[in-house]
Amino acid sequence: MEYVAVILPSLVVGLIFWFAMKSIFNADKAERQAEARAQAEADGFPADNPGSESK
């Protein structure tokens, strides 16, 4: 039981950090996708596939 008491705080902090980083990366990805859609609309391309003009 002593081992659990020693390891548990580190695991909890690690999980909190992991969830925080995951949410930050997901928010960044969504922001980049929205920016790409807005840029594609501003350039006059269809908004569904913003990367197709570079191929």
PDB file of N, CA and C in Angstrom:
ATOM      1  N   MET A   1       0.818  -1.201   0.000  1.00  0.00           N
ATOM      2  CA  MET A   1       0.000   0.000   0.000  1.00  0.00           C
ATOM      3  C   MET A   1       0.858   1.261   0.000  1.00  0.00           C
ATOM      4  N   GLU A   2       2.042   1.179   0.585  1.00  0.00           N
ATOM      5  CA  GLU A   2       2.921   2.348   0.604  1.00  0.00           C
ATOM      6  C   GLU A   2       3.340   2.739  -0.812  1.00  0.00           C
ATOM      7  N   TYR A   3       3.528   1.738  -1.658  1.00  0.00           N
ATOM      8  CA  TYR A   3       3.937   2.027  -3.030  1.00  0.00           C
ATOM      9  C   TYR A   3       2.860   2.818  -3.778  1.00  0.00           C
ATOM     10  N   VAL A   4       1.623   2.464  -3.539  1.00  0.00           N
ATOM     11  CA  VAL A   4       0.519   3.168  -4.188  1.00  0.00           C
ATOM     12  C   VAL A   4       0.472   4.619  -3.720  1.00  0.00           C
ATOM     13  N   ALA A   5       0.675   4.839  -2.439  1.00  0.00           N
ATOM     14  CA  ALA A   5       0.652   6.198  -1.891  1.00  0.00           C
ATOM     15  C   ALA A   5       1.794   7.038  -2.442  1.00  0.00           C
ATOM     16  N   VAL A   6       2.897   6.399  -2.795  1.00  0.00           N
ATOM     17  CA  VAL A   6       4.038   7.130  -3.342  1.00  0.00           C
ATOM     18  C   VAL A   6       3.831   7.416  -4.834  1.00  0.00           C
ATOM     19  N   ILE A   7       3.302   6.464  -5.571  1.00  0.00           N
ATOM     20  CA  ILE A   7       3.168   6.584  -7.021  1.00  0.00           C
ATOM     21  C   ILE A   7       1.920   7.366  -7.438  1.00  0.00           C
ATOM     22  N   LEU A   8       0.849   7.267  -6.684  1.00  0.00           N
ATOM     23  CA  LEU A   8      -0.430   7.858  -7.074  1.00  0.00           C
ATOM     24  C   LEU A   8      -0.374   9.362  -7.350  1.00  0.00           C
ATOM     25  N   PRO A   9       0.249  10.186  -6.522  1.00  0.00           N
ATOM     26  CA  PRO A   9       0.285  11.626  -6.841  1.00  0.00           C
ATOM     27  C   PRO A   9       0.970  11.933  -8.174  1.00  0.00           C
ATOM     28  N   SER A  10       2.051  11.235  -8.462  1.00  0.00           N
ATOM     29  CA  SER A  10       2.737  11.449  -9.736  1.00  0.00           C
ATOM     30  C   SER A  10       1.866  11.024 -10.912  1.00  0.00           C
ATOM     31  N   LEU A  11       1.159   9.932 -10.782  1.00  0.00           N
ATOM     32  CA  LEU A  11       0.267   9.480 -11.849  1.00  0.00           C
ATOM     33  C   LEU A  11      -0.872  10.467 -12.079  1.00  0.00           C
ATOM     34  N   VAL A  12      -1.440  10.978 -11.007  1.00  0.00           N
ATOM     35  CA  VAL A  12      -2.546  11.927 -11.141  1.00  0.00           C
ATOM     36  C   VAL A  12      -2.070  13.212 -11.814  1.00  0.00           C
ATOM     37  N   VAL A  13      -0.930  13.734 -11.390  1.00  0.00           N
ATOM     38  CA  VAL A  13      -0.391  14.946 -12.005  1.00  0.00           C
ATOM     39  C   VAL A  13      -0.044  14.681 -13.467  1.00  0.00           C
ATOM     40  N   GLY A  14       0.508  13.520 -13.754  1.00  0.00           N
ATOM     41  CA  GLY A  14       0.821  13.162 -15.136  1.00  0.00           C
ATOM     42  C   GLY A  14      -0.426  13.084 -16.004  1.00  0.00           C
ATOM     43  N   LEU A  15      -1.495  12.509 -15.484  1.00  0.00           N
ATOM     44  CA  LEU A  15      -2.748  12.429 -16.243  1.00  0.00           C
ATOM     45  C   LEU A  15      -3.361  13.807 -16.468  1.00  0.00           C
ATOM     46  N   ILE A  16      -3.318  14.659 -15.461  1.00  0.00           N
ATOM     47  CA  ILE A  16      -3.827  16.026 -15.626  1.00  0.00           C
ATOM     48  C   ILE A  16      -3.029  16.752 -16.701  1.00  0.00           C
ATOM     49  N   PHE A  17      -1.709  16.603 -16.668  1.00  0.00           N
ATOM     50  CA  PHE A  17      -0.859  17.230 -17.674  1.00  0.00           C
ATOM     51  C   PHE A  17      -1.180  16.695 -19.064  1.00  0.00           C
ATOM     52  N   TRP A  18      -1.369  15.384 -19.172  1.00  0.00           N
ATOM     53  CA  TRP A  18      -1.667  14.768 -20.466  1.00  0.00           C
ATOM     54  C   TRP A  18      -2.986  15.292 -21.035  1.00  0.00           C
ATOM     55  N   PHE A  19      -4.030  15.365 -20.194  1.00  0.00           N
ATOM     56  CA  PHE A  19      -5.317  15.880 -20.661  1.00  0.00           C
ATOM     57  C   PHE A  19      -5.221  17.349 -21.048  1.00  0.00           C
ATOM     58  N   ALA A  20      -4.461  18.134 -20.292  1.00  0.00           N
ATOM     59  CA  ALA A  20      -4.298  19.549 -20.623  1.00  0.00           C
ATOM     60  C   ALA A  20      -3.587  19.712 -21.960  1.00  0.00           C
ATOM     61  N   MET A  21      -2.523  18.973 -22.184  1.00  0.00           N
ATOM     62  CA  MET A  21      -1.787  19.074 -23.444  1.00  0.00           C
ATOM     63  C   MET A  21      -2.636  18.582 -24.614  1.00  0.00           C
ATOM     64  N   LYS A  22      -3.399  17.523 -24.391  1.00  0.00           N
ATOM     65  CA  LYS A  22      -4.265  17.007 -25.450  1.00  0.00           C
ATOM     66  C   LYS A  22      -5.300  18.052 -25.844  1.00  0.00           C
ATOM     67  N   SER A  23      -5.891  18.720 -24.871  1.00  0.00           N
ATOM     68  CA  SER A  23      -6.894  19.734 -25.199  1.00  0.00           C
ATOM     69  C   SER A  23      -6.263  20.938 -25.888  1.00  0.00           C
ATOM     70  N   ILE A  24      -5.047  21.307 -25.501  1.00  0.00           N
ATOM     71  CA  ILE A  24      -4.350  22.416 -26.161  1.00  0.00           C
ATOM     72  C   ILE A  24      -4.060  22.068 -27.616  1.00  0.00           C
ATOM     73  N   PHE A  25      -3.551  20.863 -27.866  1.00  0.00           N
ATOM     74  CA  PHE A  25      -3.240  20.455 -29.234  1.00  0.00           C
ATOM     75  C   PHE A  25      -4.501  20.331 -30.089  1.00  0.00           C
ATOM     76  N   ASN A  26      -5.592  19.829 -29.507  1.00  0.00           N
ATOM     77  CA  ASN A  26      -6.846  19.736 -30.263  1.00  0.00           C
ATOM     78  C   ASN A  26      -7.389  21.118 -30.602  1.00  0.00           C
ATOM     79  N   ALA A  27      -7.289  22.049 -29.660  1.00  0.00           N
ATOM     80  CA  ALA A  27      -7.744  23.416 -29.930  1.00  0.00           C
ATOM     81  C   ALA A  27      -6.887  24.058 -31.014  1.00  0.00           C
ATOM     82  N   ASP A  28      -5.583  23.811 -30.980  1.00  0.00           N
ATOM     83  CA  ASP A  28      -4.689  24.364 -31.997  1.00  0.00           C
ATOM     84  C   ASP A  28      -5.015  23.797 -33.376  1.00  0.00           C
ATOM     85  N   LYS A  29      -5.286  22.496 -33.423  1.00  0.00           N
ATOM     86  CA  LYS A  29      -5.627  21.862 -34.696  1.00  0.00           C
ATOM     87  C   LYS A  29      -6.920  22.437 -35.257  1.00  0.00           C
ATOM     88  N   ALA A  30      -7.914  22.604 -34.398  1.00  0.00           N
ATOM     89  CA  ALA A  30      -9.188  23.167 -34.851  1.00  0.00           C
ATOM     90  C   ALA A  30      -9.009  24.603 -35.330  1.00  0.00           C
ATOM     91  N   GLU A  31      -8.171  25.362 -34.644  1.00  0.00           N
ATOM     92  CA  GLU A  31      -7.923  26.745 -35.054  1.00  0.00           C
ATOM     93  C   GLU A  31      -7.221  26.800 -36.410  1.00  0.00           C
ATOM     94  N   ARG A  32      -6.241  25.926 -36.621  1.00  0.00           N
ATOM     95  CA  ARG A  32      -5.547  25.901 -37.916  1.00  0.00           C
ATOM     96  C   ARG A  32      -6.492  25.498 -39.040  1.00  0.00           C
ATOM     97  N   GLN A  33      -7.395  24.548 -38.788  1.00  0.00           N
ATOM     98  CA  GLN A  33      -8.359  24.144 -39.809  1.00  0.00           C
ATOM     99  C   GLN A  33      -9.325  25.278 -40.131  1.00  0.00           C
ATOM    100  N   ALA A  34      -9.790  25.978 -39.106  1.00  0.00           N
ATOM    101  CA  ALA A  34     -10.702  27.100 -39.339  1.00  0.00           C
ATOM    102  C   ALA A  34      -9.999  28.218 -40.097  1.00  0.00           C
ATOM    103  N   GLU A  35      -8.743  28.465 -39.767  1.00  0.00           N
ATOM    104  CA  GLU A  35      -7.987  29.497 -40.476  1.00  0.00           C
ATOM    105  C   GLU A  35      -7.774  29.110 -41.938  1.00  0.00           C
ATOM    106  N   ALA A  36      -7.501  27.837 -42.193  1.00  0.00           N
ATOM    107  CA  ALA A  36      -7.316  27.377 -43.572  1.00  0.00           C
ATOM    108  C   ALA A  36      -8.613  27.508 -44.365  1.00  0.00           C
ATOM    109  N   ARG A  37      -9.753  27.178 -43.733  1.00  0.00           N
ATOM    110  CA  ARG A  37     -11.042  27.338 -44.415  1.00  0.00           C
ATOM    111  C   ARG A  37     -11.322  28.806 -44.722  1.00  0.00           C
ATOM    112  N   ALA A  38     -11.058  29.673 -43.750  1.00  0.00           N
ATOM    113  CA  ALA A  38     -11.297  31.104 -43.967  1.00  0.00           C
ATOM    114  C   ALA A  38     -10.387  31.650 -45.061  1.00  0.00           C
ATOM    115  N   GLN A  39      -9.142  31.209 -45.077  1.00  0.00           N
ATOM    116  CA  GLN A  39      -8.210  31.667 -46.110  1.00  0.00           C
ATOM    117  C   GLN A  39      -8.631  31.162 -47.483  1.00  0.00           C
ATOM    118  N   ALA A  40      -9.106  29.924 -47.542  1.00  0.00           N
ATOM    119  CA  ALA A  40      -9.558  29.368 -48.815  1.00  0.00           C
ATOM    120  C   ALA A  40     -10.779  30.124 -49.329  1.00  0.00           C
ATOM    121  N   GLU A  41     -11.692  30.468 -48.441  1.00  0.00           N
ATOM    122  CA  GLU A  41     -12.862  31.243 -48.858  1.00  0.00           C
ATOM    123  C   GLU A  41     -12.444  32.629 -49.334  1.00  0.00           C
ATOM    124  N   ALA A  42     -11.482  33.235 -48.656  1.00  0.00           N
ATOM    125  CA  ALA A  42     -11.010  34.562 -49.050  1.00  0.00           C
ATOM    126  C   ALA A  42     -10.306  34.519 -50.401  1.00  0.00           C
ATOM    127  N   ASP A  43      -9.647  33.412 -50.701  1.00  0.00           N
ATOM    128  CA  ASP A  43      -8.952  33.262 -51.981  1.00  0.00           C
ATOM    129  C   ASP A  43      -9.889  32.836 -53.104  1.00  0.00           C
ATOM    130  N   GLY A  44     -11.138  32.513 -52.765  1.00  0.00           N
ATOM    131  CA  GLY A  44     -12.114  32.143 -53.777  1.00  0.00           C
ATOM    132  C   GLY A  44     -12.184  30.665 -54.068  1.00  0.00           C
ATOM    133  N   PHE A  45     -11.565  29.841 -53.256  1.00  0.00           N
ATOM    134  CA  PHE A  45     -11.623  28.396 -53.444  1.00  0.00           C
ATOM    135  C   PHE A  45     -12.756  27.825 -52.607  1.00  0.00           C
ATOM    136  N   PRO A  46     -13.268  26.649 -52.973  1.00  0.00           N
ATOM    137  CA  PRO A  46     -14.308  26.015 -52.149  1.00  0.00           C
ATOM    138  C   PRO A  46     -13.782  25.736 -50.748  1.00  0.00           C
ATOM    139  N   ALA A  47     -14.635  25.888 -49.756  1.00  0.00           N
ATOM    140  CA  ALA A  47     -14.202  25.761 -48.363  1.00  0.00           C
ATOM    141  C   ALA A  47     -14.046  24.318 -47.921  1.00  0.00           C
ATOM    142  N   ASP A  48     -14.585  23.339 -48.662  1.00  0.00           N
ATOM    143  CA  ASP A  48     -14.515  21.967 -48.165  1.00  0.00           C
ATOM    144  C   ASP A  48     -13.130  21.362 -48.272  1.00  0.00           C
ATOM    145  N   ASN A  49     -12.303  21.789 -49.206  1.00  0.00           N
ATOM    146  CA  ASN A  49     -10.987  21.187 -49.390  1.00  0.00           C
ATOM    147  C   ASN A  49      -9.943  22.287 -49.579  1.00  0.00           C
ATOM    148  N   PRO A  50      -9.506  22.931 -48.482  1.00  0.00           N
ATOM    149  CA  PRO A  50      -8.641  24.102 -48.618  1.00  0.00           C
ATOM    150  C   PRO A  50      -7.245  23.821 -49.144  1.00  0.00           C
ATOM    151  N   GLY A  51      -6.761  22.596 -49.108  1.00  0.00           N
ATOM    152  CA  GLY A  51      -5.405  22.327 -49.557  1.00  0.00           C
ATOM    153  C   GLY A  51      -5.306  21.844 -50.980  1.00  0.00           C
ATOM    154  N   SER A  52      -6.406  21.762 -51.704  1.00  0.00           N
ATOM    155  CA  SER A  52      -6.389  21.133 -53.024  1.00  0.00           C
ATOM    156  C   SER A  52      -5.712  21.977 -54.093  1.00  0.00           C
ATOM    157  N   GLU A  53      -5.625  23.314 -53.927  1.00  0.00           N
ATOM    158  CA  GLU A  53      -5.043  24.131 -54.975  1.00  0.00           C
ATOM    159  C   GLU A  53      -3.528  23.986 -55.061  1.00  0.00           C
ATOM    160  N   SER A  54      -2.869  23.477 -54.051  1.00  0.00           N
ATOM    161  CA  SER A  54      -1.414  23.362 -54.075  1.00  0.00           C
ATOM    162  C   SER A  54      -0.942  22.075 -54.741  1.00  0.00           C
ATOM    163  N   LYS A  55      -1.849  21.158 -55.066  1.00  0.00           N
ATOM    164  CA  LYS A  55      -1.437  19.878 -55.650  1.00  0.00           C
ATOM    165  C   LYS A  55      -1.252  19.983 -57.135  1.00  0.00           C
TER     166      LYS A  55
END
